[in-house]
């Protein structure tokens, strides 16, 4: 669903503990019931421009923030690929990264 939501093969996110994330202002929320884990997840976007900001799985202690929303994207260094079982056939996964078939236990 992330590929359809974003219109691309990738979603670059930073996984943070929920308590480390503070949102100021309102975000628009779309909830997808069930998700791949069976728990609903919430996609939160900017109400002004529609840019995806973050998403969170119901009950998870973590929040995933879209890396493209950072003021300084140089701070972002990917370490893991998630949902590799849904990777496009033309995508080559980096050999030096962890490749999880679905939602990793850490998220």
Protein backbone atom coordinates (compact mmCIF):
# COMPACT_ATOMS: atom_id res chain seq x y z
CA UNK A 1 0.00 0.00 0.00
CA UNK A 2 2.94 2.37 0.55
CA UNK A 3 3.92 2.11 -3.12
CA UNK A 4 0.40 3.06 -4.20
CA UNK A 5 0.12 5.78 -1.54
CA UNK A 6 3.38 7.46 -2.56
CA UNK A 7 3.40 6.51 -6.25
CA UNK A 8 6.93 5.15 -6.05
CA UNK A 9 8.80 1.94 -5.18
CA UNK A 10 10.21 3.32 -1.93
CA UNK A 11 9.27 5.07 1.26
CA UNK A 12 12.28 6.34 3.20
CA UNK A 13 11.41 6.62 6.87
CA UNK A 14 13.10 7.17 10.21
CA UNK A 15 11.84 4.98 13.04
CA UNK A 16 11.69 6.77 16.39
CA UNK A 17 10.24 5.98 19.82
CA UNK A 18 6.73 7.44 20.06
CA UNK A 19 7.69 9.58 23.09
CA UNK A 20 10.49 11.23 21.06
CA UNK A 21 8.04 12.65 18.50
CA UNK A 22 6.14 15.87 19.11
CA UNK A 23 3.74 17.14 16.47
CA UNK A 24 2.79 20.80 16.59
CA UNK A 25 -0.29 21.69 14.60
CA UNK A 26 -2.90 19.45 13.10
CA UNK A 27 -2.35 16.62 10.67
CA UNK A 28 -4.89 14.88 8.47
CA UNK A 29 -5.19 11.18 9.36
CA UNK A 30 -6.06 8.26 7.13
CA UNK A 31 -6.41 4.94 8.95
CA UNK A 32 -5.97 1.69 7.08
CA UNK A 33 -7.69 -1.07 9.00
CA UNK A 34 -5.70 -4.24 9.49
CA UNK A 35 -2.46 -3.46 7.72
CA UNK A 36 -0.07 -6.36 7.10
CA UNK A 37 0.30 -7.03 10.84
CA UNK A 38 -3.42 -7.17 11.57
CA UNK A 39 -3.29 -3.89 13.49
CA UNK A 40 -4.56 -0.66 11.88
CA UNK A 41 -1.99 1.92 10.90
CA UNK A 42 -2.41 5.65 10.62
CA UNK A 43 -0.96 7.80 7.86
CA UNK A 44 -0.67 11.43 8.89
CA UNK A 45 -0.27 14.22 6.32
CA UNK A 46 0.01 17.99 6.12
CA UNK A 47 -3.53 19.43 5.82
CA UNK A 48 -2.25 22.31 3.66
CA UNK A 49 -0.33 20.51 0.92
CA UNK A 50 -1.10 16.83 1.52
CA UNK A 51 2.54 15.83 1.99
CA UNK A 52 2.87 12.58 3.93
CA UNK A 53 4.54 13.30 7.27
CA UNK A 54 4.46 10.15 9.37
CA UNK A 55 2.75 6.86 9.95
CA UNK A 56 2.25 4.69 12.96
CA UNK A 57 0.97 1.22 13.61
CA UNK A 58 -1.78 0.94 16.23
CA UNK A 59 -0.24 0.02 19.59
CA UNK A 60 3.36 0.29 18.39
CA UNK A 61 5.86 2.12 20.60
CA UNK A 62 7.41 3.60 17.43
CA UNK A 63 6.54 6.27 14.87
CA UNK A 64 7.85 6.34 11.31
CA UNK A 65 8.67 9.79 9.96
CA UNK A 66 9.12 10.35 6.21
CA UNK A 67 12.76 11.29 5.71
CA UNK A 68 11.90 13.79 2.98
CA UNK A 69 10.18 16.01 5.55
CA UNK A 70 13.43 16.68 7.44
CA UNK A 71 14.99 20.13 7.19
CA UNK A 72 18.42 18.44 7.00
CA UNK A 73 18.16 15.14 5.12
CA UNK A 74 21.91 14.54 5.57
CA UNK A 75 21.02 13.24 9.04
CA UNK A 76 19.26 10.25 7.45
CA UNK A 77 21.34 7.09 6.91
CA UNK A 78 19.26 4.02 5.98
CA UNK A 79 20.15 0.75 7.73
CA UNK A 80 17.30 -1.60 6.81
CA UNK A 81 14.90 -2.37 3.98
CA UNK A 82 11.35 -3.29 5.01
CA UNK A 83 8.65 -5.14 3.07
CA UNK A 84 11.21 -6.62 0.68
CA UNK A 85 8.71 -9.31 -0.33
CA UNK A 86 6.83 -6.50 -2.13
CA UNK A 87 9.90 -4.99 -3.85
CA UNK A 88 9.54 -4.25 -7.54
CA UNK A 89 11.36 -6.72 -9.79
CA UNK A 90 13.64 -3.94 -11.07
CA UNK A 91 14.79 -2.91 -7.57
CA UNK A 92 18.27 -4.02 -6.46
CA UNK A 93 18.53 -4.20 -2.66
CA UNK A 94 21.76 -2.99 -1.05
CA UNK A 95 23.79 -6.01 0.11
CA UNK A 96 25.05 -4.20 3.23
CA UNK A 97 21.57 -3.61 4.65
CA UNK A 98 19.20 -5.80 6.65
CA UNK A 99 16.36 -6.90 4.39
CA UNK A 100 13.11 -7.70 6.20
CA UNK A 101 10.38 -9.43 4.18
CA UNK A 102 7.69 -7.44 6.02
CA UNK A 103 7.38 -5.21 9.05
CA UNK A 104 10.56 -5.68 11.12
CA UNK A 105 10.15 -6.54 14.83
CA UNK A 106 11.94 -3.30 15.74
CA UNK A 107 9.24 -1.14 14.14
